[in-house]
Amino acid sequence: MAVLDILEIPDPRLRAVAKPVAQVDDAVRTLIDDMFDTMYDARGIGLAATQLGIEQRVLVIDLQERESDEEGKESEPVRDPQAFVNPELLWVSDDVSVYNEGCLSIPEQYAEVERPARCRVKWLDRDGAAHEQEFDGLMATCMQHEIDHLNGVLFIDHLSRLKRDMVVKKLTKMRKNAA
């Protein structure tokens, strides 16, 4: 297993549309393992293969939710790694939710994005078994965000031009100050 390099904007490979995986085999399972290692190392909750320059319809999600004790102290994150091969949005709700999204390919930048509050997705797991499920809350947001990546879409594409330009300008300034 390996930690891979995550592409960052403006890398044009982030705009590539991923191709379906023909067969879930050991190479795909190795990719999934490497994607989890990379996502955890970057302290993210989701990662699409296209963010690594790999044009395959594979994404991983682990919300790493925390529980609080009686005193309000948060526990270590509870890991629940989930891999999705050839994920496909079947349905999205008319009702929407707004979430302050970030992205490992647009480091340390966040913006409120409005998306459908619920979605139904079908996919194959790491063993090639088919699944279909409806998601809501943060999982629905994360699923739509990562499927967008597989389609060459970034969360900033859901923003107004003014807000998108502000995010890009802040990232450019951050990079300049770090150099």
Protein backbone atom coordinates (compact mmCIF):
# COMPACT_ATOMS: atom_id res chain seq x y z
CA MET A 1 0.00 0.00 0.00
CA ALA A 2 1.19 3.49 -0.82
CA VAL A 3 0.45 7.14 -0.33
CA LEU A 4 0.03 8.68 -3.77
CA ASP A 5 0.28 12.29 -4.94
CA ILE A 6 -3.02 14.18 -5.02
CA LEU A 7 -3.47 16.48 -8.01
CA GLU A 8 -4.31 20.10 -7.26
CA ILE A 9 -5.97 22.78 -9.35
CA PRO A 10 -5.28 23.93 -12.02
CA ASP A 11 -4.00 20.47 -13.11
CA PRO A 12 -6.02 19.67 -16.27
CA ARG A 13 -6.19 15.96 -15.34
CA LEU A 14 -8.78 16.91 -12.69
CA ARG A 15 -11.15 17.66 -15.59
CA ALA A 16 -10.85 14.16 -17.08
CA VAL A 17 -13.97 11.99 -17.17
CA ALA A 18 -13.14 8.60 -15.66
CA LYS A 19 -13.81 5.39 -17.55
CA PRO A 20 -15.81 2.49 -16.09
CA VAL A 21 -13.86 -0.34 -14.47
CA ALA A 22 -14.29 -3.47 -16.62
CA GLN A 23 -13.57 -5.94 -13.80
CA VAL A 24 -12.91 -5.63 -10.09
CA ASP A 25 -9.60 -7.48 -9.77
CA ASP A 26 -6.47 -7.37 -7.60
CA ALA A 27 -5.22 -4.25 -9.41
CA VAL A 28 -8.44 -2.40 -8.53
CA ARG A 29 -8.28 -3.63 -4.92
CA THR A 30 -4.67 -2.39 -4.68
CA LEU A 31 -5.80 0.98 -6.07
CA ILE A 32 -8.56 1.10 -3.43
CA ASP A 33 -6.06 0.34 -0.64
CA ASP A 34 -3.68 3.01 -1.95
CA MET A 35 -6.56 5.49 -2.16
CA PHE A 36 -7.48 4.88 1.49
CA ASP A 37 -3.83 5.31 2.56
CA THR A 38 -3.64 8.54 0.56
CA MET A 39 -6.97 9.88 1.88
CA TYR A 40 -6.12 9.13 5.52
CA ASP A 41 -2.64 10.64 5.12
CA ALA A 42 -4.21 13.84 3.73
CA ARG A 43 -6.85 13.85 6.50
CA GLY A 44 -9.73 13.72 4.02
CA ILE A 45 -13.09 11.95 4.09
CA GLY A 46 -13.37 11.14 0.38
CA LEU A 47 -11.13 10.64 -2.63
CA ALA A 48 -11.76 9.88 -6.30
CA ALA A 49 -9.25 8.09 -8.53
CA THR A 50 -9.19 11.09 -10.90
CA GLN A 51 -7.66 13.15 -8.08
CA LEU A 52 -4.65 10.85 -8.41
CA GLY A 53 -4.54 11.14 -12.21
CA ILE A 54 -6.12 7.69 -12.58
CA GLU A 55 -9.04 7.75 -15.02
CA GLN A 56 -11.06 4.92 -13.46
CA ARG A 57 -14.49 5.18 -11.86
CA VAL A 58 -13.36 4.39 -8.32
CA LEU A 59 -13.89 6.42 -5.17
CA VAL A 60 -13.45 5.89 -1.47
CA ILE A 61 -15.25 7.49 1.46
CA ASP A 62 -14.79 7.31 5.21
CA LEU A 63 -16.62 9.99 7.16
CA GLN A 64 -14.63 9.01 10.28
CA GLU A 65 -17.39 10.18 12.53
CA ARG A 66 -16.63 10.90 16.16
CA GLU A 67 -18.69 10.20 19.22
CA SER A 68 -18.81 12.48 22.26
CA ASP A 69 -18.81 11.33 25.87
CA GLU A 70 -20.88 12.82 28.70
CA GLU A 71 -18.39 15.68 29.11
CA GLY A 72 -18.50 16.54 25.39
CA LYS A 73 -15.03 15.18 24.65
CA GLU A 74 -14.77 13.63 21.21
CA SER A 75 -13.41 10.13 20.83
CA GLU A 76 -10.98 8.98 18.20
CA PRO A 77 -12.68 8.84 14.78
CA VAL A 78 -14.59 5.64 14.07
CA ARG A 79 -13.30 4.34 10.76
CA ASP A 80 -15.81 2.94 8.30
CA PRO A 81 -13.94 2.73 4.99
CA GLN A 82 -16.21 2.26 1.98
CA ALA A 83 -15.11 1.72 -1.61
CA PHE A 84 -17.33 2.41 -4.63
CA VAL A 85 -16.47 1.06 -8.07
CA ASN A 86 -18.46 2.41 -11.05
CA PRO A 87 -20.76 4.46 -8.79
CA GLU A 88 -23.82 5.80 -10.56
CA LEU A 89 -26.32 8.37 -9.30
CA LEU A 90 -29.78 6.91 -9.94
CA TRP A 91 -31.84 9.63 -8.28
CA VAL A 92 -31.45 12.87 -6.34
CA SER A 93 -34.04 14.56 -4.16
CA ASP A 94 -35.69 17.87 -4.95
CA ASP A 95 -34.96 19.11 -1.43
CA VAL A 96 -31.48 20.52 -0.97
CA SER A 97 -28.93 21.00 1.76
CA VAL A 98 -25.99 23.35 2.05
CA TYR A 99 -22.64 22.12 3.28
CA ASN A 100 -19.33 23.94 3.70
CA GLU A 101 -17.30 21.79 1.31
CA GLY A 102 -13.57 21.45 0.95
CA CYS A 103 -11.44 19.32 -1.35
CA LEU A 104 -8.03 17.69 -1.19
CA SER A 105 -7.39 19.01 -4.73
CA ILE A 106 -8.15 22.58 -3.59
CA PRO A 107 -6.31 22.54 -0.24
CA GLU A 108 -7.49 24.58 2.72
CA GLN A 109 -10.28 26.27 0.75
CA TYR A 110 -13.94 25.91 1.68
CA ALA A 111 -17.23 27.23 0.38
CA GLU A 112 -20.92 26.58 0.94
CA VAL A 113 -22.31 24.35 -1.80
CA GLU A 114 -25.98 23.56 -2.33
CA ARG A 115 -26.70 19.98 -3.42
CA PRO A 116 -29.64 17.58 -3.31
CA ALA A 117 -30.12 16.46 0.30
CA ARG A 118 -30.54 12.78 -0.63
CA CYS A 119 -29.35 10.54 -3.43
CA ARG A 120 -29.67 6.92 -4.54
CA VAL A 121 -26.52 5.28 -5.86
CA LYS A 122 -25.61 1.92 -7.33
CA TRP A 123 -22.05 0.59 -7.33
CA LEU A 124 -19.78 -2.41 -7.05
CA ASP A 125 -17.78 -3.04 -3.88
CA ARG A 126 -14.13 -4.13 -3.66
CA ASP A 127 -15.20 -7.73 -4.27
CA GLY A 128 -17.31 -6.87 -7.33
CA ALA A 129 -20.66 -7.34 -5.55
CA ALA A 130 -23.44 -4.99 -6.68
CA HIS A 131 -25.12 -2.60 -4.23
CA GLU A 132 -27.79 0.08 -4.34
CA GLN A 133 -28.57 2.44 -1.46
CA GLU A 134 -30.07 5.82 -0.63
CA PHE A 135 -27.85 8.27 1.25
CA ASP A 136 -28.60 11.47 3.14
CA GLY A 137 -26.71 14.00 5.23
CA LEU A 138 -22.96 14.29 4.91
CA MET A 139 -22.75 10.93 3.12
CA ALA A 140 -25.04 12.20 0.32
CA THR A 141 -22.97 15.36 -0.01
CA CYS A 142 -19.69 13.45 -0.05
CA MET A 143 -20.99 10.88 -2.54
CA GLN A 144 -22.13 13.60 -4.97
CA HIS A 145 -18.85 15.52 -4.50
CA GLU A 146 -16.75 12.43 -5.32
CA ILE A 147 -18.92 11.33 -8.27
CA ASP A 148 -18.53 14.88 -9.59
CA HIS A 149 -14.75 14.30 -9.57
CA LEU A 150 -15.22 11.17 -11.70
CA ASN A 151 -17.08 13.39 -14.18
CA GLY A 152 -14.40 16.10 -14.23
CA VAL A 153 -16.39 18.49 -12.02
CA LEU A 154 -14.98 20.29 -8.95
CA PHE A 155 -16.99 21.69 -6.04
CA ILE A 156 -16.04 25.22 -7.07
CA ASP A 157 -17.93 24.65 -10.33
CA HIS A 158 -21.13 24.80 -8.23
CA LEU A 159 -20.26 28.33 -7.04
CA SER A 160 -20.97 31.67 -8.66
CA ARG A 161 -18.13 32.98 -10.79
CA LEU A 162 -17.32 35.60 -8.13
CA LYS A 163 -17.10 33.04 -5.31
CA ARG A 164 -15.12 30.61 -7.48
CA ASP A 165 -12.63 33.34 -8.40
CA MET A 166 -12.28 34.27 -4.70
CA VAL A 167 -11.46 30.66 -3.75
CA VAL A 168 -8.88 30.35 -6.53
CA LYS A 169 -7.35 33.73 -5.59
CA LYS A 170 -7.07 32.70 -1.91
CA LEU A 171 -5.39 29.42 -2.91
CA THR A 172 -2.94 31.26 -5.19
CA LYS A 173 -2.07 33.68 -2.37
CA MET A 174 -1.62 30.80 0.09
CA ARG A 175 0.73 29.01 -2.32
CA LYS A 176 2.70 32.23 -2.95
CA ASN A 177 3.14 32.84 0.79
CA ALA A 178 4.28 29.24 1.31
CA ALA A 179 6.96 29.48 -1.40
